[in-house]
Amino acid sequence: MRHEDRRVLFDFEIDFSNGGGLQGQDFRLDIDGEDISDRALADLLVNDLRLLMVGSVRILRKRIVREAHKRR
């Protein structure tokens, strides 16, 4: 199976340093490898969403799934 067939399914909360926040449930991102740390996942999420002024990121639940990449 190709590396792009591995995805992480997770919930998250993001607090912004200038106020406000963002939450996501059952969010999916492609990963390389069989696992990803919460810190690396937080960095990947912030970069993928192109977020600025991020204060903190909490990964609340995660699991690795195998499924085809849907973004084209």
C-alpha atoms as a PDB file:
ATOM      1  CA  MET A   1       0.000   0.000   0.000  1.00  0.00           C
ATOM      2  CA  ARG A   2       1.316   3.460  -0.865  1.00  0.00           C
ATOM      3  CA  HIS A   3       2.149   5.936   1.910  1.00  0.00           C
ATOM      4  CA  GLU A   4      -0.708   8.201   0.806  1.00  0.00           C
ATOM      5  CA  ASP A   5      -3.137   5.420   1.693  1.00  0.00           C
ATOM      6  CA  ARG A   6      -2.357   5.913   5.392  1.00  0.00           C
ATOM      7  CA  ARG A   7      -4.339   8.630   7.039  1.00  0.00           C
ATOM      8  CA  VAL A   8      -4.886   9.803  10.562  1.00  0.00           C
ATOM      9  CA  LEU A   9      -8.463  10.352  11.744  1.00  0.00           C
ATOM     10  CA  PHE A  10      -8.616  12.714  14.721  1.00  0.00           C
ATOM     11  CA  ASP A  11     -10.418  15.361  16.761  1.00  0.00           C
ATOM     12  CA  PHE A  12      -8.708  18.624  17.671  1.00  0.00           C
ATOM     13  CA  GLU A  13      -9.036  21.997  19.368  1.00  0.00           C
ATOM     14  CA  ILE A  14      -7.003  25.043  18.393  1.00  0.00           C
ATOM     15  CA  ASP A  15      -6.727  28.261  20.409  1.00  0.00           C
ATOM     16  CA  PHE A  16      -5.517  31.394  18.639  1.00  0.00           C
ATOM     17  CA  SER A  17      -3.172  33.812  20.358  1.00  0.00           C
ATOM     18  CA  ASN A  18      -5.353  36.760  19.278  1.00  0.00           C
ATOM     19  CA  GLY A  19      -8.553  35.155  20.618  1.00  0.00           C
ATOM     20  CA  GLY A  20     -11.027  32.616  19.376  1.00  0.00           C
ATOM     21  CA  GLY A  21     -10.605  29.004  18.497  1.00  0.00           C
ATOM     22  CA  LEU A  22     -11.351  26.203  16.089  1.00  0.00           C
ATOM     23  CA  GLN A  23     -12.535  22.632  16.652  1.00  0.00           C
ATOM     24  CA  GLY A  24     -12.686  19.652  14.347  1.00  0.00           C
ATOM     25  CA  GLN A  25     -14.109  16.169  14.642  1.00  0.00           C
ATOM     26  CA  ASP A  26     -13.239  13.145  12.502  1.00  0.00           C
ATOM     27  CA  PHE A  27     -10.721  15.258  10.561  1.00  0.00           C
ATOM     28  CA  ARG A  28      -8.446  13.313   8.203  1.00  0.00           C
ATOM     29  CA  LEU A  29      -4.920  13.996   6.972  1.00  0.00           C
ATOM     30  CA  ASP A  30      -2.523  11.853   4.938  1.00  0.00           C
ATOM     31  CA  ILE A  31       0.617  10.744   6.762  1.00  0.00           C
ATOM     32  CA  ASP A  32       3.897   9.068   5.941  1.00  0.00           C
ATOM     33  CA  GLY A  33       4.558   5.961   7.982  1.00  0.00           C
ATOM     34  CA  GLU A  34       2.510   3.910  10.389  1.00  0.00           C
ATOM     35  CA  ASP A  35       2.134   6.477  13.187  1.00  0.00           C
ATOM     36  CA  ILE A  36       2.501  10.181  13.993  1.00  0.00           C
ATOM     37  CA  SER A  37       3.092  11.957  17.303  1.00  0.00           C
ATOM     38  CA  ASP A  38       0.557  14.464  18.590  1.00  0.00           C
ATOM     39  CA  ARG A  39       3.124  17.271  18.172  1.00  0.00           C
ATOM     40  CA  ALA A  40       3.893  16.318  14.571  1.00  0.00           C
ATOM     41  CA  LEU A  41       0.168  15.976  13.846  1.00  0.00           C
ATOM     42  CA  ALA A  42      -0.510  19.427  15.329  1.00  0.00           C
ATOM     43  CA  ASP A  43       2.221  20.925  13.116  1.00  0.00           C
ATOM     44  CA  LEU A  44       0.857  19.107  10.050  1.00  0.00           C
ATOM     45  CA  LEU A  45      -2.669  20.369  10.778  1.00  0.00           C
ATOM     46  CA  VAL A  46      -1.604  24.000  11.232  1.00  0.00           C
ATOM     47  CA  ASN A  47       0.458  23.892   8.027  1.00  0.00           C
ATOM     48  CA  ASP A  48      -2.242  22.108   6.004  1.00  0.00           C
ATOM     49  CA  LEU A  49      -4.879  24.664   7.040  1.00  0.00           C
ATOM     50  CA  ARG A  50      -2.374  27.545   6.656  1.00  0.00           C
ATOM     51  CA  LEU A  51      -3.295  28.939  10.058  1.00  0.00           C
ATOM     52  CA  LEU A  52      -1.630  31.964  11.636  1.00  0.00           C
ATOM     53  CA  MET A  53      -1.524  33.208  15.223  1.00  0.00           C
ATOM     54  CA  VAL A  54      -1.942  29.701  16.664  1.00  0.00           C
ATOM     55  CA  GLY A  55      -1.523  29.628  20.425  1.00  0.00           C
ATOM     56  CA  SER A  56      -2.085  25.965  21.242  1.00  0.00           C
ATOM     57  CA  VAL A  57      -3.298  22.775  19.576  1.00  0.00           C
ATOM     58  CA  ARG A  58      -4.807  19.823  21.395  1.00  0.00           C
ATOM     59  CA  ILE A  59      -5.205  16.450  19.705  1.00  0.00           C
ATOM     60  CA  LEU A  60      -8.109  14.804  21.505  1.00  0.00           C
ATOM     61  CA  ARG A  61      -8.378  11.455  19.753  1.00  0.00           C
ATOM     62  CA  LYS A  62      -6.551   9.860  16.877  1.00  0.00           C
ATOM     63  CA  ARG A  63      -6.324   6.620  15.006  1.00  0.00           C
ATOM     64  CA  ILE A  64      -4.526   5.523  11.872  1.00  0.00           C
ATOM     65  CA  VAL A  65      -6.753   4.303   9.043  1.00  0.00           C
ATOM     66  CA  ARG A  66      -6.059   2.921   5.615  1.00  0.00           C
ATOM     67  CA  GLU A  67      -8.158   4.526   2.927  1.00  0.00           C
ATOM     68  CA  ALA A  68      -7.641   6.079  -0.463  1.00  0.00           C
ATOM     69  CA  HIS A  69      -6.750   9.742  -0.711  1.00  0.00           C
ATOM     70  CA  LYS A  70      -9.817  11.710  -1.880  1.00  0.00           C
ATOM     71  CA  ARG A  71      -8.383  15.206  -2.465  1.00  0.00           C
ATOM     72  CA  ARG A  72      -7.475  15.837  -6.091  1.00  0.00           C
END
